[in-house]
Amino acid sequence: MRSEKNCKVKDNLVNQLIALNNKVNTLSPGLLHSEQARAEVEEKREGLYLEIKLHRKKGHDGKPCPAVQYISGDRH
């Protein structure tokens, strides 16, 4: 039996994070004029990382996301 490894919620969160990172990477440091602007971008980035982490851990009715890939040999 093949288990489903796709998760639209995880994919959406990761895509948001990628888009934010791409946007930041294409801007020159001078375009983020203020410390406040940089702090807002960093806060949003950290929030997305946290959402992804929480979803991976207990995002499916309190169970781990099936789309998480485990590298260690303990889980298959």
PDB file of N, CA and C in Angstrom:
ATOM      1  N   MET A   1       0.850  -1.166   0.000  1.00  0.00           N
ATOM      2  CA  MET A   1       0.000   0.000   0.000  1.00  0.00           C
ATOM      3  C   MET A   1       0.903   1.238   0.000  1.00  0.00           C
ATOM      4  N   ARG A   2       0.580   2.179  -0.851  1.00  0.00           N
ATOM      5  CA  ARG A   2       1.356   3.411  -0.964  1.00  0.00           C
ATOM      6  C   ARG A   2       0.681   4.501  -0.144  1.00  0.00           C
ATOM      7  N   SER A   3       1.459   5.150   0.720  1.00  0.00           N
ATOM      8  CA  SER A   3       0.869   6.217   1.524  1.00  0.00           C
ATOM      9  C   SER A   3       0.991   7.548   0.778  1.00  0.00           C
ATOM     10  N   GLU A   4       0.003   8.404   0.965  1.00  0.00           N
ATOM     11  CA  GLU A   4      -0.021   9.708   0.306  1.00  0.00           C
ATOM     12  C   GLU A   4       0.949  10.637   1.018  1.00  0.00           C
ATOM     13  N   LYS A   5       1.833  11.281   0.265  1.00  0.00           N
ATOM     14  CA  LYS A   5       2.843  12.149   0.856  1.00  0.00           C
ATOM     15  C   LYS A   5       2.647  13.615   0.491  1.00  0.00           C
ATOM     16  N   ASN A   6       1.499  13.977  -0.047  1.00  0.00           N
ATOM     17  CA  ASN A   6       1.229  15.357  -0.401  1.00  0.00           C
ATOM     18  C   ASN A   6       0.378  16.020   0.677  1.00  0.00           C
ATOM     19  N   CYS A   7       0.623  17.298   0.878  1.00  0.00           N
ATOM     20  CA  CYS A   7      -0.168  18.059   1.847  1.00  0.00           C
ATOM     21  C   CYS A   7      -0.268  19.480   1.331  1.00  0.00           C
ATOM     22  N   LYS A   8      -1.474  19.887   0.969  1.00  0.00           N
ATOM     23  CA  LYS A   8      -1.672  21.221   0.402  1.00  0.00           C
ATOM     24  C   LYS A   8      -1.385  22.321   1.421  1.00  0.00           C
ATOM     25  N   VAL A   9      -1.691  22.082   2.686  1.00  0.00           N
ATOM     26  CA  VAL A   9      -1.429  23.092   3.717  1.00  0.00           C
ATOM     27  C   VAL A   9       0.069  23.333   3.829  1.00  0.00           C
ATOM     28  N   LYS A  10       0.839  22.261   3.940  1.00  0.00           N
ATOM     29  CA  LYS A  10       2.296  22.381   4.023  1.00  0.00           C
ATOM     30  C   LYS A  10       2.843  23.048   2.777  1.00  0.00           C
ATOM     31  N   ASP A  11       2.378  22.605   1.614  1.00  0.00           N
ATOM     32  CA  ASP A  11       2.849  23.179   0.351  1.00  0.00           C
ATOM     33  C   ASP A  11       2.561  24.674   0.285  1.00  0.00           C
ATOM     34  N   ASN A  12       1.381  25.094   0.740  1.00  0.00           N
ATOM     35  CA  ASN A  12       1.021  26.506   0.738  1.00  0.00           C
ATOM     36  C   ASN A  12       1.935  27.308   1.661  1.00  0.00           C
ATOM     37  N   LEU A  13       2.195  26.800   2.855  1.00  0.00           N
ATOM     38  CA  LEU A  13       3.074  27.498   3.794  1.00  0.00           C
ATOM     39  C   LEU A  13       4.489  27.613   3.236  1.00  0.00           C
ATOM     40  N   VAL A  14       4.983  26.522   2.684  1.00  0.00           N
ATOM     41  CA  VAL A  14       6.337  26.529   2.115  1.00  0.00           C
ATOM     42  C   VAL A  14       6.408  27.489   0.929  1.00  0.00           C
ATOM     43  N   ASN A  15       5.381  27.498   0.092  1.00  0.00           N
ATOM     44  CA  ASN A  15       5.367  28.417  -1.050  1.00  0.00           C
ATOM     45  C   ASN A  15       5.347  29.877  -0.599  1.00  0.00           C
ATOM     46  N   GLN A  16       4.621  30.179   0.473  1.00  0.00           N
ATOM     47  CA  GLN A  16       4.616  31.545   1.015  1.00  0.00           C
ATOM     48  C   GLN A  16       6.007  31.943   1.499  1.00  0.00           C
ATOM     49  N   LEU A  17       6.674  31.001   2.168  1.00  0.00           N
ATOM     50  CA  LEU A  17       8.014  31.268   2.665  1.00  0.00           C
ATOM     51  C   LEU A  17       8.996  31.470   1.514  1.00  0.00           C
ATOM     52  N   ILE A  18       8.905  30.643   0.493  1.00  0.00           N
ATOM     53  CA  ILE A  18       9.775  30.777  -0.674  1.00  0.00           C
ATOM     54  C   ILE A  18       9.549  32.121  -1.354  1.00  0.00           C
ATOM     55  N   ALA A  19       8.291  32.501  -1.516  1.00  0.00           N
ATOM     56  CA  ALA A  19       7.979  33.784  -2.156  1.00  0.00           C
ATOM     57  C   ALA A  19       8.538  34.950  -1.345  1.00  0.00           C
ATOM     58  N   LEU A  20       8.404  34.895  -0.030  1.00  0.00           N
ATOM     59  CA  LEU A  20       8.938  35.957   0.828  1.00  0.00           C
ATOM     60  C   LEU A  20      10.458  36.011   0.717  1.00  0.00           C
ATOM     61  N   ASN A  21      11.106  34.855   0.764  1.00  0.00           N
ATOM     62  CA  ASN A  21      12.560  34.815   0.645  1.00  0.00           C
ATOM     63  C   ASN A  21      13.018  35.337  -0.713  1.00  0.00           C
ATOM     64  N   ASN A  22      12.320  34.959  -1.771  1.00  0.00           N
ATOM     65  CA  ASN A  22      12.677  35.439  -3.108  1.00  0.00           C
ATOM     66  C   ASN A  22      12.525  36.951  -3.203  1.00  0.00           C
ATOM     67  N   LYS A  23      11.461  37.465  -2.619  1.00  0.00           N
ATOM     68  CA  LYS A  23      11.224  38.913  -2.646  1.00  0.00           C
ATOM     69  C   LYS A  23      12.346  39.637  -1.908  1.00  0.00           C
ATOM     70  N   VAL A  24      12.711  39.131  -0.745  1.00  0.00           N
ATOM     71  CA  VAL A  24      13.771  39.756   0.042  1.00  0.00           C
ATOM     72  C   VAL A  24      15.105  39.661  -0.698  1.00  0.00           C
ATOM     73  N   ASN A  25      15.366  38.519  -1.325  1.00  0.00           N
ATOM     74  CA  ASN A  25      16.638  38.323  -2.026  1.00  0.00           C
ATOM     75  C   ASN A  25      16.780  39.227  -3.238  1.00  0.00           C
ATOM     76  N   THR A  26      15.663  39.609  -3.865  1.00  0.00           N
ATOM     77  CA  THR A  26      15.747  40.457  -5.045  1.00  0.00           C
ATOM     78  C   THR A  26      15.847  41.938  -4.693  1.00  0.00           C
ATOM     79  N   LEU A  27      15.554  42.287  -3.452  1.00  0.00           N
ATOM     80  CA  LEU A  27      15.647  43.682  -3.022  1.00  0.00           C
ATOM     81  C   LEU A  27      17.073  43.985  -2.563  1.00  0.00           C
ATOM     82  N   SER A  28      17.527  45.144  -2.888  1.00  0.00           N
ATOM     83  CA  SER A  28      18.826  45.561  -2.363  1.00  0.00           C
ATOM     84  C   SER A  28      18.632  45.981  -0.913  1.00  0.00           C
ATOM     85  N   PRO A  29      19.666  45.875  -0.106  1.00  0.00           N
ATOM     86  CA  PRO A  29      19.519  46.255   1.305  1.00  0.00           C
ATOM     87  C   PRO A  29      19.032  47.690   1.478  1.00  0.00           C
ATOM     88  N   GLY A  30      19.353  48.566   0.535  1.00  0.00           N
ATOM     89  CA  GLY A  30      18.910  49.948   0.637  1.00  0.00           C
ATOM     90  C   GLY A  30      17.414  50.121   0.495  1.00  0.00           C
ATOM     91  N   LEU A  31      16.738  49.134  -0.118  1.00  0.00           N
ATOM     92  CA  LEU A  31      15.292  49.246  -0.306  1.00  0.00           C
ATOM     93  C   LEU A  31      14.520  48.975   0.978  1.00  0.00           C
ATOM     94  N   LEU A  32      15.129  48.254   1.875  1.00  0.00           N
ATOM     95  CA  LEU A  32      14.507  48.084   3.190  1.00  0.00           C
ATOM     96  C   LEU A  32      15.069  49.192   4.075  1.00  0.00           C
ATOM     97  N   HIS A  33      14.477  50.370   3.921  1.00  0.00           N
ATOM     98  CA  HIS A  33      15.048  51.585   4.485  1.00  0.00           C
ATOM     99  C   HIS A  33      15.164  51.582   6.003  1.00  0.00           C
ATOM    100  N   SER A  34      14.178  51.086   6.662  1.00  0.00           N
ATOM    101  CA  SER A  34      14.159  51.253   8.109  1.00  0.00           C
ATOM    102  C   SER A  34      14.352  49.941   8.837  1.00  0.00           C
ATOM    103  N   GLU A  35      14.763  50.072  10.057  1.00  0.00           N
ATOM    104  CA  GLU A  35      14.867  48.894  10.933  1.00  0.00           C
ATOM    105  C   GLU A  35      13.492  48.252  11.100  1.00  0.00           C
ATOM    106  N   GLN A  36      12.454  49.084  11.125  1.00  0.00           N
ATOM    107  CA  GLN A  36      11.092  48.570  11.285  1.00  0.00           C
ATOM    108  C   GLN A  36      10.712  47.692  10.106  1.00  0.00           C
ATOM    109  N   ALA A  37      11.047  48.101   8.887  1.00  0.00           N
ATOM    110  CA  ALA A  37      10.718  47.303   7.702  1.00  0.00           C
ATOM    111  C   ALA A  37      11.447  45.969   7.740  1.00  0.00           C
ATOM    112  N   ARG A  38      12.722  46.003   8.108  1.00  0.00           N
ATOM    113  CA  ARG A  38      13.485  44.749   8.207  1.00  0.00           C
ATOM    114  C   ARG A  38      12.904  43.849   9.290  1.00  0.00           C
ATOM    115  N   ALA A  39      12.523  44.442  10.409  1.00  0.00           N
ATOM    116  CA  ALA A  39      11.949  43.669  11.518  1.00  0.00           C
ATOM    117  C   ALA A  39      10.625  43.031  11.105  1.00  0.00           C
ATOM    118  N   GLU A  40       9.806  43.752  10.337  1.00  0.00           N
ATOM    119  CA  GLU A  40       8.521  43.206   9.887  1.00  0.00           C
ATOM    120  C   GLU A  40       8.727  42.012   8.961  1.00  0.00           C
ATOM    121  N   VAL A  41       9.702  42.114   8.059  1.00  0.00           N
ATOM    122  CA  VAL A  41       9.985  41.004   7.146  1.00  0.00           C
ATOM    123  C   VAL A  41      10.485  39.802   7.939  1.00  0.00           C
ATOM    124  N   GLU A  42      11.389  40.047   8.871  1.00  0.00           N
ATOM    125  CA  GLU A  42      11.933  38.949   9.676  1.00  0.00           C
ATOM    126  C   GLU A  42      10.847  38.310  10.538  1.00  0.00           C
ATOM    127  N   GLU A  43       9.945  39.114  11.067  1.00  0.00           N
ATOM    128  CA  GLU A  43       8.847  38.592  11.887  1.00  0.00           C
ATOM    129  C   GLU A  43       7.930  37.689  11.043  1.00  0.00           C
ATOM    130  N   LYS A  44       7.632  38.129   9.838  1.00  0.00           N
ATOM    131  CA  LYS A  44       6.783  37.319   8.954  1.00  0.00           C
ATOM    132  C   LYS A  44       7.479  36.004   8.607  1.00  0.00           C
ATOM    133  N   ARG A  45       8.766  36.080   8.330  1.00  0.00           N
ATOM    134  CA  ARG A  45       9.539  34.882   8.005  1.00  0.00           C
ATOM    135  C   ARG A  45       9.537  33.905   9.183  1.00  0.00           C
ATOM    136  N   GLU A  46       9.801  34.412  10.371  1.00  0.00           N
ATOM    137  CA  GLU A  46       9.809  33.562  11.557  1.00  0.00           C
ATOM    138  C   GLU A  46       8.430  32.959  11.810  1.00  0.00           C
ATOM    139  N   GLY A  47       7.373  33.736  11.569  1.00  0.00           N
ATOM    140  CA  GLY A  47       6.012  33.220  11.736  1.00  0.00           C
ATOM    141  C   GLY A  47       5.716  32.071  10.786  1.00  0.00           C
ATOM    142  N   LEU A  48       6.183  32.191   9.544  1.00  0.00           N
ATOM    143  CA  LEU A  48       5.974  31.110   8.582  1.00  0.00           C
ATOM    144  C   LEU A  48       6.759  29.859   8.980  1.00  0.00           C
ATOM    145  N   TYR A  49       8.002  30.050   9.431  1.00  0.00           N
ATOM    146  CA  TYR A  49       8.780  28.905   9.903  1.00  0.00           C
ATOM    147  C   TYR A  49       8.068  28.204  11.056  1.00  0.00           C
ATOM    148  N   LEU A  50       7.517  28.981  11.969  1.00  0.00           N
ATOM    149  CA  LEU A  50       6.808  28.406  13.113  1.00  0.00           C
ATOM    150  C   LEU A  50       5.550  27.666  12.663  1.00  0.00           C
ATOM    151  N   GLU A  51       4.775  28.267  11.751  1.00  0.00           N
ATOM    152  CA  GLU A  51       3.575  27.593  11.236  1.00  0.00           C
ATOM    153  C   GLU A  51       3.926  26.264  10.572  1.00  0.00           C
ATOM    154  N   ILE A  52       4.989  26.261   9.797  1.00  0.00           N
ATOM    155  CA  ILE A  52       5.421  25.027   9.125  1.00  0.00           C
ATOM    156  C   ILE A  52       5.811  23.988  10.158  1.00  0.00           C
ATOM    157  N   LYS A  53       6.591  24.392  11.149  1.00  0.00           N
ATOM    158  CA  LYS A  53       7.021  23.460  12.195  1.00  0.00           C
ATOM    159  C   LYS A  53       5.827  22.866  12.941  1.00  0.00           C
ATOM    160  N   LEU A  54       4.881  23.730  13.333  1.00  0.00           N
ATOM    161  CA  LEU A  54       3.706  23.243  14.058  1.00  0.00           C
ATOM    162  C   LEU A  54       2.849  22.331  13.182  1.00  0.00           C
ATOM    163  N   HIS A  55       2.689  22.690  11.921  1.00  0.00           N
ATOM    164  CA  HIS A  55       1.895  21.850  11.021  1.00  0.00           C
ATOM    165  C   HIS A  55       2.550  20.488  10.835  1.00  0.00           C
ATOM    166  N   ARG A  56       3.861  20.486  10.666  1.00  0.00           N
ATOM    167  CA  ARG A  56       4.568  19.209  10.483  1.00  0.00           C
ATOM    168  C   ARG A  56       4.389  18.313  11.708  1.00  0.00           C
ATOM    169  N   LYS A  57       4.358  18.929  12.904  1.00  0.00           N
ATOM    170  CA  LYS A  57       4.275  18.161  14.134  1.00  0.00           C
ATOM    171  C   LYS A  57       2.861  17.668  14.433  1.00  0.00           C
ATOM    172  N   LYS A  58       1.856  18.547  14.291  1.00  0.00           N
ATOM    173  CA  LYS A  58       0.489  18.174  14.699  1.00  0.00           C
ATOM    174  C   LYS A  58      -0.569  18.810  13.824  1.00  0.00           C
ATOM    175  N   GLY A  59      -0.319  18.924  12.541  1.00  0.00           N
ATOM    176  CA  GLY A  59      -1.219  19.647  11.667  1.00  0.00           C
ATOM    177  C   GLY A  59      -2.410  18.884  11.133  1.00  0.00           C
ATOM    178  N   HIS A  60      -2.490  17.608  11.391  1.00  0.00           N
ATOM    179  CA  HIS A  60      -3.575  16.789  10.860  1.00  0.00           C
ATOM    180  C   HIS A  60      -4.315  16.126  12.014  1.00  0.00           C
ATOM    181  N   ASP A  61      -5.263  16.859  12.561  1.00  0.00           N
ATOM    182  CA  ASP A  61      -6.046  16.379  13.704  1.00  0.00           C
ATOM    183  C   ASP A  61      -5.147  15.906  14.841  1.00  0.00           C
ATOM    184  N   GLY A  62      -4.099  16.683  15.115  1.00  0.00           N
ATOM    185  CA  GLY A  62      -3.183  16.365  16.201  1.00  0.00           C
ATOM    186  C   GLY A  62      -2.114  15.358  15.847  1.00  0.00           C
ATOM    187  N   LYS A  63      -2.076  14.931  14.597  1.00  0.00           N
ATOM    188  CA  LYS A  63      -1.085  13.944  14.158  1.00  0.00           C
ATOM    189  C   LYS A  63      -0.075  14.610  13.232  1.00  0.00           C
ATOM    190  N   PRO A  64       1.128  14.044  13.132  1.00  0.00           N
ATOM    191  CA  PRO A  64       2.135  14.619  12.237  1.00  0.00           C
ATOM    192  C   PRO A  64       1.676  14.633  10.784  1.00  0.00           C
ATOM    193  N   CYS A  65       2.168  15.614  10.059  1.00  0.00           N
ATOM    194  CA  CYS A  65       1.849  15.739   8.643  1.00  0.00           C
ATOM    195  C   CYS A  65       2.450  14.550   7.883  1.00  0.00           C
ATOM    196  N   PRO A  66       1.666  13.895   7.047  1.00  0.00           N
ATOM    197  CA  PRO A  66       2.191  12.734   6.310  1.00  0.00           C
ATOM    198  C   PRO A  66       3.203  13.125   5.235  1.00  0.00           C
ATOM    199  N   ALA A  67       3.282  14.411   4.906  1.00  0.00           N
ATOM    200  CA  ALA A  67       4.209  14.849   3.871  1.00  0.00           C
ATOM    201  C   ALA A  67       5.623  15.054   4.410  1.00  0.00           C
ATOM    202  N   VAL A  68       5.798  14.930   5.714  1.00  0.00           N
ATOM    203  CA  VAL A  68       7.118  15.109   6.309  1.00  0.00           C
ATOM    204  C   VAL A  68       7.984  13.922   5.941  1.00  0.00           C
ATOM    205  N   GLN A  69       9.167  14.233   5.484  1.00  0.00           N
ATOM    206  CA  GLN A  69      10.115  13.172   5.147  1.00  0.00           C
ATOM    207  C   GLN A  69      11.108  13.042   6.281  1.00  0.00           C
ATOM    208  N   TYR A  70      11.241  11.841   6.797  1.00  0.00           N
ATOM    209  CA  TYR A  70      12.186  11.592   7.863  1.00  0.00           C
ATOM    210  C   TYR A  70      13.465  11.044   7.272  1.00  0.00           C
ATOM    211  N   ILE A  71      14.582  11.592   7.706  1.00  0.00           N
ATOM    212  CA  ILE A  71      15.876  11.173   7.176  1.00  0.00           C
ATOM    213  C   ILE A  71      16.470  10.049   8.006  1.00  0.00           C
ATOM    214  N   SER A  72      16.220  10.051   9.291  1.00  0.00           N
ATOM    215  CA  SER A  72      16.811   9.029  10.151  1.00  0.00           C
ATOM    216  C   SER A  72      16.273   7.651   9.817  1.00  0.00           C
ATOM    217  N   GLY A  73      17.021   6.638  10.128  1.00  0.00           N
ATOM    218  CA  GLY A  73      16.631   5.273   9.819  1.00  0.00           C
ATOM    219  C   GLY A  73      15.553   4.724  10.731  1.00  0.00           C
ATOM    220  N   ASP A  74      15.159   5.491  11.756  1.00  0.00           N
ATOM    221  CA  ASP A  74      14.172   5.018  12.718  1.00  0.00           C
ATOM    222  C   ASP A  74      12.787   4.888  12.123  1.00  0.00           C
ATOM    223  N   ARG A  75      12.443   5.742  11.178  1.00  0.00           N
ATOM    224  CA  ARG A  75      11.069   5.780  10.659  1.00  0.00           C
ATOM    225  C   ARG A  75      11.046   5.443   9.184  1.00  0.00           C
ATOM    226  N   HIS A  76      10.026   4.743   8.776  1.00  0.00           N
ATOM    227  CA  HIS A  76       9.851   4.393   7.358  1.00  0.00           C
ATOM    228  C   HIS A  76       8.414   4.592   6.973  1.00  0.00           C
TER     229      HIS A  76
END
